[in-house]
């Protein structure tokens, strides 16, 4: 019984250690990101992370354009539809 408890204790210690280390690493990464955003580089905030931000901005603009064109096509189709 005691050996099972010791084994369980050892497993629980090993399981919680990486989680604690990951939180510390995330805190340091958060500080680095905050410092990068605080620098004045004459770049808009929504583009400071580089290519991924530019790709998301392009994707958003493209999907918006597709939605507007699709909506206009639907409205024009409804306005000029032939009446039966």
C-alpha atoms as a PDB file:
ATOM      1  CA  UNK A   1       0.000   0.000   0.000  1.00  0.00           C
ATOM      2  CA  UNK A   2       2.782   2.392   0.943  1.00  0.00           C
ATOM      3  CA  UNK A   3       4.718   1.677  -2.247  1.00  0.00           C
ATOM      4  CA  UNK A   4       1.634   2.492  -4.325  1.00  0.00           C
ATOM      5  CA  UNK A   5       1.244   5.797  -2.505  1.00  0.00           C
ATOM      6  CA  UNK A   6       4.900   6.658  -3.068  1.00  0.00           C
ATOM      7  CA  UNK A   7       4.614   5.762  -6.738  1.00  0.00           C
ATOM      8  CA  UNK A   8       1.509   7.928  -7.060  1.00  0.00           C
ATOM      9  CA  UNK A   9       3.298  10.788  -5.312  1.00  0.00           C
ATOM     10  CA  UNK A  10       6.274  10.509  -7.680  1.00  0.00           C
ATOM     11  CA  UNK A  11       4.003  10.470 -10.732  1.00  0.00           C
ATOM     12  CA  UNK A  12       2.080  13.511  -9.539  1.00  0.00           C
ATOM     13  CA  UNK A  13       5.326  15.437  -8.943  1.00  0.00           C
ATOM     14  CA  UNK A  14       6.543  14.624 -12.449  1.00  0.00           C
ATOM     15  CA  UNK A  15       3.197  15.565 -13.976  1.00  0.00           C
ATOM     16  CA  UNK A  16       3.042  19.003 -12.341  1.00  0.00           C
ATOM     17  CA  UNK A  17       6.645  19.990 -13.004  1.00  0.00           C
ATOM     18  CA  UNK A  18       6.341  20.588 -16.783  1.00  0.00           C
ATOM     19  CA  UNK A  19       3.157  22.607 -16.290  1.00  0.00           C
ATOM     20  CA  UNK A  20       4.943  24.921 -13.875  1.00  0.00           C
ATOM     21  CA  UNK A  21       7.900  25.288 -16.244  1.00  0.00           C
ATOM     22  CA  UNK A  22       5.570  26.032 -19.169  1.00  0.00           C
ATOM     23  CA  UNK A  23       3.905  28.817 -17.189  1.00  0.00           C
ATOM     24  CA  UNK A  24       7.264  30.397 -16.470  1.00  0.00           C
ATOM     25  CA  UNK A  25       8.274  30.149 -20.124  1.00  0.00           C
ATOM     26  CA  UNK A  26       4.951  31.679 -21.214  1.00  0.00           C
ATOM     27  CA  UNK A  27       5.471  34.584 -18.815  1.00  0.00           C
ATOM     28  CA  UNK A  28       8.898  35.313 -20.274  1.00  0.00           C
ATOM     29  CA  UNK A  29       7.555  35.080 -23.814  1.00  0.00           C
ATOM     30  CA  UNK A  30       4.741  37.446 -22.874  1.00  0.00           C
ATOM     31  CA  UNK A  31       7.277  40.013 -21.674  1.00  0.00           C
ATOM     32  CA  UNK A  32       9.220  39.721 -24.940  1.00  0.00           C
ATOM     33  CA  UNK A  33       6.079  40.214 -26.999  1.00  0.00           C
ATOM     34  CA  UNK A  34       5.100  43.227 -24.894  1.00  0.00           C
ATOM     35  CA  UNK A  35       8.541  44.752 -25.428  1.00  0.00           C
ATOM     36  CA  UNK A  36       8.296  44.171 -29.177  1.00  0.00           C
ATOM     37  CA  UNK A  37       4.909  45.908 -29.310  1.00  0.00           C
ATOM     38  CA  UNK A  38       6.223  48.816 -27.235  1.00  0.00           C
ATOM     39  CA  UNK A  39       8.961  49.668 -29.750  1.00  0.00           C
ATOM     40  CA  UNK A  40       8.213  52.544 -32.108  1.00  0.00           C
ATOM     41  CA  UNK A  41       8.848  51.201 -35.618  1.00  0.00           C
ATOM     42  CA  UNK A  42       6.193  53.188 -37.537  1.00  0.00           C
ATOM     43  CA  UNK A  43       4.324  49.936 -38.202  1.00  0.00           C
ATOM     44  CA  UNK A  44       0.614  49.608 -37.366  1.00  0.00           C
ATOM     45  CA  UNK A  45      -0.058  47.405 -34.353  1.00  0.00           C
ATOM     46  CA  UNK A  46      -2.148  44.986 -36.392  1.00  0.00           C
ATOM     47  CA  UNK A  47       0.907  44.213 -38.592  1.00  0.00           C
ATOM     48  CA  UNK A  48       3.678  43.966 -35.979  1.00  0.00           C
ATOM     49  CA  UNK A  49       3.865  40.162 -35.931  1.00  0.00           C
ATOM     50  CA  UNK A  50       4.965  39.978 -39.557  1.00  0.00           C
ATOM     51  CA  UNK A  51       3.811  37.630 -42.287  1.00  0.00           C
ATOM     52  CA  UNK A  52       1.054  35.943 -40.277  1.00  0.00           C
ATOM     53  CA  UNK A  53      -0.622  39.299 -39.609  1.00  0.00           C
ATOM     54  CA  UNK A  54      -0.349  40.285 -43.266  1.00  0.00           C
ATOM     55  CA  UNK A  55      -1.818  36.939 -44.346  1.00  0.00           C
ATOM     56  CA  UNK A  56      -4.740  37.284 -41.927  1.00  0.00           C
ATOM     57  CA  UNK A  57      -5.346  40.864 -43.076  1.00  0.00           C
ATOM     58  CA  UNK A  58      -5.376  39.751 -46.728  1.00  0.00           C
ATOM     59  CA  UNK A  59      -7.684  36.824 -45.938  1.00  0.00           C
ATOM     60  CA  UNK A  60     -10.087  39.119 -44.078  1.00  0.00           C
ATOM     61  CA  UNK A  61     -10.122  41.630 -46.940  1.00  0.00           C
ATOM     62  CA  UNK A  62     -10.638  38.887 -49.539  1.00  0.00           C
ATOM     63  CA  UNK A  63     -13.515  37.276 -47.629  1.00  0.00           C
ATOM     64  CA  UNK A  64     -15.120  40.688 -47.116  1.00  0.00           C
ATOM     65  CA  UNK A  65     -14.864  41.434 -50.839  1.00  0.00           C
ATOM     66  CA  UNK A  66     -16.364  38.041 -51.719  1.00  0.00           C
ATOM     67  CA  UNK A  67     -19.232  38.669 -49.294  1.00  0.00           C
ATOM     68  CA  UNK A  68     -19.949  42.134 -50.700  1.00  0.00           C
ATOM     69  CA  UNK A  69     -19.879  40.897 -54.302  1.00  0.00           C
ATOM     70  CA  UNK A  70     -22.093  37.932 -53.418  1.00  0.00           C
ATOM     71  CA  UNK A  71     -24.561  40.196 -51.619  1.00  0.00           C
ATOM     72  CA  UNK A  72     -24.704  42.643 -54.521  1.00  0.00           C
ATOM     73  CA  UNK A  73     -25.209  39.762 -56.972  1.00  0.00           C
ATOM     74  CA  UNK A  74     -28.094  38.467 -54.859  1.00  0.00           C
ATOM     75  CA  UNK A  75     -29.704  41.912 -54.548  1.00  0.00           C
ATOM     76  CA  UNK A  76     -29.418  42.607 -58.272  1.00  0.00           C
ATOM     77  CA  UNK A  77     -30.777  39.155 -59.058  1.00  0.00           C
ATOM     78  CA  UNK A  78     -33.765  39.756 -56.791  1.00  0.00           C
ATOM     79  CA  UNK A  79     -34.398  43.256 -58.165  1.00  0.00           C
ATOM     80  CA  UNK A  80     -34.341  42.294 -61.834  1.00  0.00           C
ATOM     81  CA  UNK A  81     -35.871  38.840 -61.631  1.00  0.00           C
ATOM     82  CA  UNK A  82     -38.554  37.993 -64.153  1.00  0.00           C
ATOM     83  CA  UNK A  83     -42.046  37.967 -62.709  1.00  0.00           C
ATOM     84  CA  UNK A  84     -44.197  34.975 -63.519  1.00  0.00           C
END
